[in-house]
Amino acid sequence: MGSFFYGTTSILVAEARAVRDGLQFVVQVGFRNINIEGDNQIIIQAIEGKIITPWQMQHIIEDILHWRSHSIQFTTKHVFREANMAADWFAKFRHLVTDSVITDTCFSPTLSKILDEDIVRRILIRRGV
């Protein structure tokens, strides 16, 4: 698990950088077949080549796609924010600290509960459609 301090930037760029940096981290620790789930549909569609990538994040998406030339396989899937609660928790956590954090232990009871529920594939009902 990790979070990085990106300073002041747009949400779109910050989330694209988070995908790129997370992908780079899991590749460095040895993963070669990766599932990327994200609640930002623009980023997911840009990676999938379904939209013209916004210029602000074009080089970031190119970095992500470059991993495929290194025998890294990954799939992408758009999920609603309710299904991405751990990432949402980390995004809120980022506002409390300005250092980058990478850990293999869960340091928050709230995050631990979110991860436990994710492991057992808790079903979430989407509110207000």
C-alpha atoms as a PDB file:
ATOM      1  CA  MET A   1       0.000   0.000   0.000  1.00  0.00           C
ATOM      2  CA  GLY A   2       1.229   3.439  -0.640  1.00  0.00           C
ATOM      3  CA  SER A   3       0.490   7.057  -1.203  1.00  0.00           C
ATOM      4  CA  PHE A   4       2.638   9.738  -2.720  1.00  0.00           C
ATOM      5  CA  PHE A   5       2.745  13.487  -2.251  1.00  0.00           C
ATOM      6  CA  TYR A   6       2.311  15.214  -5.618  1.00  0.00           C
ATOM      7  CA  GLY A   7       2.009  18.794  -4.419  1.00  0.00           C
ATOM      8  CA  THR A   8      -0.601  20.928  -6.094  1.00  0.00           C
ATOM      9  CA  THR A   9      -1.934  19.394  -9.277  1.00  0.00           C
ATOM     10  CA  SER A  10      -5.286  18.527 -10.808  1.00  0.00           C
ATOM     11  CA  ILE A  11      -7.225  15.481  -9.661  1.00  0.00           C
ATOM     12  CA  LEU A  12      -6.894  13.992 -13.134  1.00  0.00           C
ATOM     13  CA  VAL A  13      -3.102  14.267 -13.163  1.00  0.00           C
ATOM     14  CA  ALA A  14      -2.770  13.084  -9.546  1.00  0.00           C
ATOM     15  CA  GLU A  15      -4.886   9.987 -10.176  1.00  0.00           C
ATOM     16  CA  ALA A  16      -3.064   9.177 -13.419  1.00  0.00           C
ATOM     17  CA  ARG A  17       0.271   9.514 -11.613  1.00  0.00           C
ATOM     18  CA  ALA A  18      -1.026   7.244  -8.843  1.00  0.00           C
ATOM     19  CA  VAL A  19      -1.843   4.542 -11.422  1.00  0.00           C
ATOM     20  CA  ARG A  20       1.579   4.931 -13.058  1.00  0.00           C
ATOM     21  CA  ASP A  21       3.477   4.939  -9.747  1.00  0.00           C
ATOM     22  CA  GLY A  22       1.477   2.012  -8.373  1.00  0.00           C
ATOM     23  CA  LEU A  23       2.104   0.031 -11.550  1.00  0.00           C
ATOM     24  CA  GLN A  24       5.820   0.793 -11.378  1.00  0.00           C
ATOM     25  CA  PHE A  25       5.942  -0.325  -7.731  1.00  0.00           C
ATOM     26  CA  VAL A  26       4.221  -3.684  -8.292  1.00  0.00           C
ATOM     27  CA  VAL A  27       6.432  -4.369 -11.321  1.00  0.00           C
ATOM     28  CA  GLN A  28       9.535  -3.633  -9.232  1.00  0.00           C
ATOM     29  CA  VAL A  29       8.475  -6.152  -6.592  1.00  0.00           C
ATOM     30  CA  GLY A  30       7.976  -8.812  -9.250  1.00  0.00           C
ATOM     31  CA  PHE A  31       4.391  -8.827 -10.511  1.00  0.00           C
ATOM     32  CA  ARG A  32       3.952  -9.294 -14.259  1.00  0.00           C
ATOM     33  CA  ASN A  33       0.186  -9.830 -14.636  1.00  0.00           C
ATOM     34  CA  ILE A  34      -1.715  -6.953 -13.060  1.00  0.00           C
ATOM     35  CA  ASN A  35      -5.360  -5.908 -12.762  1.00  0.00           C
ATOM     36  CA  ILE A  36      -5.862  -2.150 -12.578  1.00  0.00           C
ATOM     37  CA  GLU A  37      -9.179  -0.972 -11.181  1.00  0.00           C
ATOM     38  CA  GLY A  38      -9.985   2.701 -10.959  1.00  0.00           C
ATOM     39  CA  ASP A  39     -12.943   4.946 -10.328  1.00  0.00           C
ATOM     40  CA  ASN A  40     -11.768   7.668 -12.728  1.00  0.00           C
ATOM     41  CA  GLN A  41     -13.360   6.690 -16.012  1.00  0.00           C
ATOM     42  CA  ILE A  42     -11.301   9.185 -18.037  1.00  0.00           C
ATOM     43  CA  ILE A  43      -8.045   7.558 -16.931  1.00  0.00           C
ATOM     44  CA  ILE A  44      -9.298   4.026 -17.512  1.00  0.00           C
ATOM     45  CA  GLN A  45     -10.610   4.914 -20.982  1.00  0.00           C
ATOM     46  CA  ALA A  46      -7.359   6.733 -21.842  1.00  0.00           C
ATOM     47  CA  ILE A  47      -5.322   3.644 -20.916  1.00  0.00           C
ATOM     48  CA  GLU A  48      -7.680   1.476 -22.966  1.00  0.00           C
ATOM     49  CA  GLY A  49      -7.350   3.832 -25.956  1.00  0.00           C
ATOM     50  CA  LYS A  50     -11.089   4.541 -26.012  1.00  0.00           C
ATOM     51  CA  ILE A  51     -10.709   8.330 -25.796  1.00  0.00           C
ATOM     52  CA  ILE A  52      -8.205  10.929 -26.865  1.00  0.00           C
ATOM     53  CA  THR A  53      -5.980  11.370 -23.829  1.00  0.00           C
ATOM     54  CA  PRO A  54      -6.243  14.838 -22.274  1.00  0.00           C
ATOM     55  CA  TRP A  55      -2.957  16.683 -22.856  1.00  0.00           C
ATOM     56  CA  GLN A  56      -2.340  17.175 -19.108  1.00  0.00           C
ATOM     57  CA  MET A  57      -1.839  13.460 -18.607  1.00  0.00           C
ATOM     58  CA  GLN A  58      -0.729  12.294 -22.050  1.00  0.00           C
ATOM     59  CA  HIS A  59       2.897  11.601 -21.004  1.00  0.00           C
ATOM     60  CA  ILE A  60       1.682   9.745 -17.898  1.00  0.00           C
ATOM     61  CA  ILE A  61      -0.577   7.451 -19.944  1.00  0.00           C
ATOM     62  CA  GLU A  62       2.327   6.862 -22.347  1.00  0.00           C
ATOM     63  CA  ASP A  63       4.474   5.817 -19.349  1.00  0.00           C
ATOM     64  CA  ILE A  64       1.759   3.361 -18.269  1.00  0.00           C
ATOM     65  CA  LEU A  65       1.431   1.858 -21.742  1.00  0.00           C
ATOM     66  CA  HIS A  66       5.224   1.596 -22.076  1.00  0.00           C
ATOM     67  CA  TRP A  67       5.209  -1.229 -19.487  1.00  0.00           C
ATOM     68  CA  ARG A  68       3.545  -3.486 -22.056  1.00  0.00           C
ATOM     69  CA  SER A  69       6.759  -3.421 -24.107  1.00  0.00           C
ATOM     70  CA  HIS A  70       8.534  -4.916 -21.055  1.00  0.00           C
ATOM     71  CA  SER A  71       6.397  -8.096 -21.036  1.00  0.00           C
ATOM     72  CA  ILE A  72       4.079  -6.654 -18.383  1.00  0.00           C
ATOM     73  CA  GLN A  73       0.455  -7.664 -18.863  1.00  0.00           C
ATOM     74  CA  PHE A  74      -2.293  -5.614 -17.308  1.00  0.00           C
ATOM     75  CA  THR A  75      -6.018  -5.241 -17.614  1.00  0.00           C
ATOM     76  CA  THR A  76      -8.077  -2.217 -16.707  1.00  0.00           C
ATOM     77  CA  LYS A  77     -11.548  -1.956 -15.280  1.00  0.00           C
ATOM     78  CA  HIS A  78     -13.662   1.007 -14.261  1.00  0.00           C
ATOM     79  CA  VAL A  79     -15.273   0.590 -10.847  1.00  0.00           C
ATOM     80  CA  PHE A  80     -17.498   2.944  -8.904  1.00  0.00           C
ATOM     81  CA  ARG A  81     -15.995   4.806  -5.962  1.00  0.00           C
ATOM     82  CA  GLU A  82     -17.863   2.545  -3.538  1.00  0.00           C
ATOM     83  CA  ALA A  83     -15.868  -0.400  -4.896  1.00  0.00           C
ATOM     84  CA  ASN A  84     -12.628   1.525  -4.539  1.00  0.00           C
ATOM     85  CA  MET A  85     -12.873   2.458  -0.866  1.00  0.00           C
ATOM     86  CA  ALA A  86      -9.245   1.655   0.026  1.00  0.00           C
ATOM     87  CA  ALA A  87      -7.944   4.027  -2.653  1.00  0.00           C
ATOM     88  CA  ASP A  88     -10.470   6.639  -1.552  1.00  0.00           C
ATOM     89  CA  TRP A  89      -9.288   6.242   2.072  1.00  0.00           C
ATOM     90  CA  PHE A  90      -5.666   6.764   0.976  1.00  0.00           C
ATOM     91  CA  ALA A  91      -6.626   9.856  -1.037  1.00  0.00           C
ATOM     92  CA  LYS A  92      -8.205  11.396   2.060  1.00  0.00           C
ATOM     93  CA  PHE A  93      -5.200  10.307   4.153  1.00  0.00           C
ATOM     94  CA  ARG A  94      -2.915  12.193   1.757  1.00  0.00           C
ATOM     95  CA  HIS A  95      -4.413  15.475   2.912  1.00  0.00           C
ATOM     96  CA  LEU A  96      -3.094  14.824   6.420  1.00  0.00           C
ATOM     97  CA  VAL A  97       0.569  14.141   5.575  1.00  0.00           C
ATOM     98  CA  THR A  98       3.044  15.552   3.073  1.00  0.00           C
ATOM     99  CA  ASP A  99       5.477  12.630   3.009  1.00  0.00           C
ATOM    100  CA  SER A 100       5.237   9.671   0.661  1.00  0.00           C
ATOM    101  CA  VAL A 101       4.159   6.477   2.409  1.00  0.00           C
ATOM    102  CA  ILE A 102       4.775   2.878   1.324  1.00  0.00           C
ATOM    103  CA  THR A 103       4.010   0.096   3.764  1.00  0.00           C
ATOM    104  CA  ASP A 104       3.256  -3.594   3.836  1.00  0.00           C
ATOM    105  CA  THR A 105       1.381  -3.342   7.131  1.00  0.00           C
ATOM    106  CA  CYS A 106      -2.011  -1.843   7.788  1.00  0.00           C
ATOM    107  CA  PHE A 107      -1.609   1.033  10.221  1.00  0.00           C
ATOM    108  CA  SER A 108      -5.264   2.063  10.473  1.00  0.00           C
ATOM    109  CA  PRO A 109      -8.191   0.115  11.948  1.00  0.00           C
ATOM    110  CA  THR A 110     -10.507   1.834   9.460  1.00  0.00           C
ATOM    111  CA  LEU A 111      -8.358   0.862   6.482  1.00  0.00           C
ATOM    112  CA  SER A 112      -7.996  -2.660   7.879  1.00  0.00           C
ATOM    113  CA  LYS A 113     -11.785  -3.024   7.961  1.00  0.00           C
ATOM    114  CA  ILE A 114     -12.074  -1.739   4.377  1.00  0.00           C
ATOM    115  CA  LEU A 115      -9.447  -4.232   3.187  1.00  0.00           C
ATOM    116  CA  ASP A 116     -11.051  -7.128   5.088  1.00  0.00           C
ATOM    117  CA  GLU A 117     -14.407  -6.368   3.477  1.00  0.00           C
ATOM    118  CA  ASP A 118     -12.752  -6.103   0.075  1.00  0.00           C
ATOM    119  CA  ILE A 119     -11.108  -9.520   0.510  1.00  0.00           C
ATOM    120  CA  VAL A 120     -14.476 -11.169   1.167  1.00  0.00           C
ATOM    121  CA  ARG A 121     -15.967  -9.236  -1.775  1.00  0.00           C
ATOM    122  CA  ARG A 122     -18.554  -7.357   0.227  1.00  0.00           C
ATOM    123  CA  ILE A 123     -21.434  -6.279  -1.986  1.00  0.00           C
ATOM    124  CA  LEU A 124     -22.083  -2.559  -2.047  1.00  0.00           C
ATOM    125  CA  ILE A 125     -25.341  -0.949  -2.980  1.00  0.00           C
ATOM    126  CA  ARG A 126     -24.857   2.206  -5.044  1.00  0.00           C
ATOM    127  CA  ARG A 127     -26.926   5.038  -3.615  1.00  0.00           C
ATOM    128  CA  GLY A 128     -28.993   7.518  -5.616  1.00  0.00           C
ATOM    129  CA  VAL A 129     -28.877   6.891  -9.311  1.00  0.00           C
END
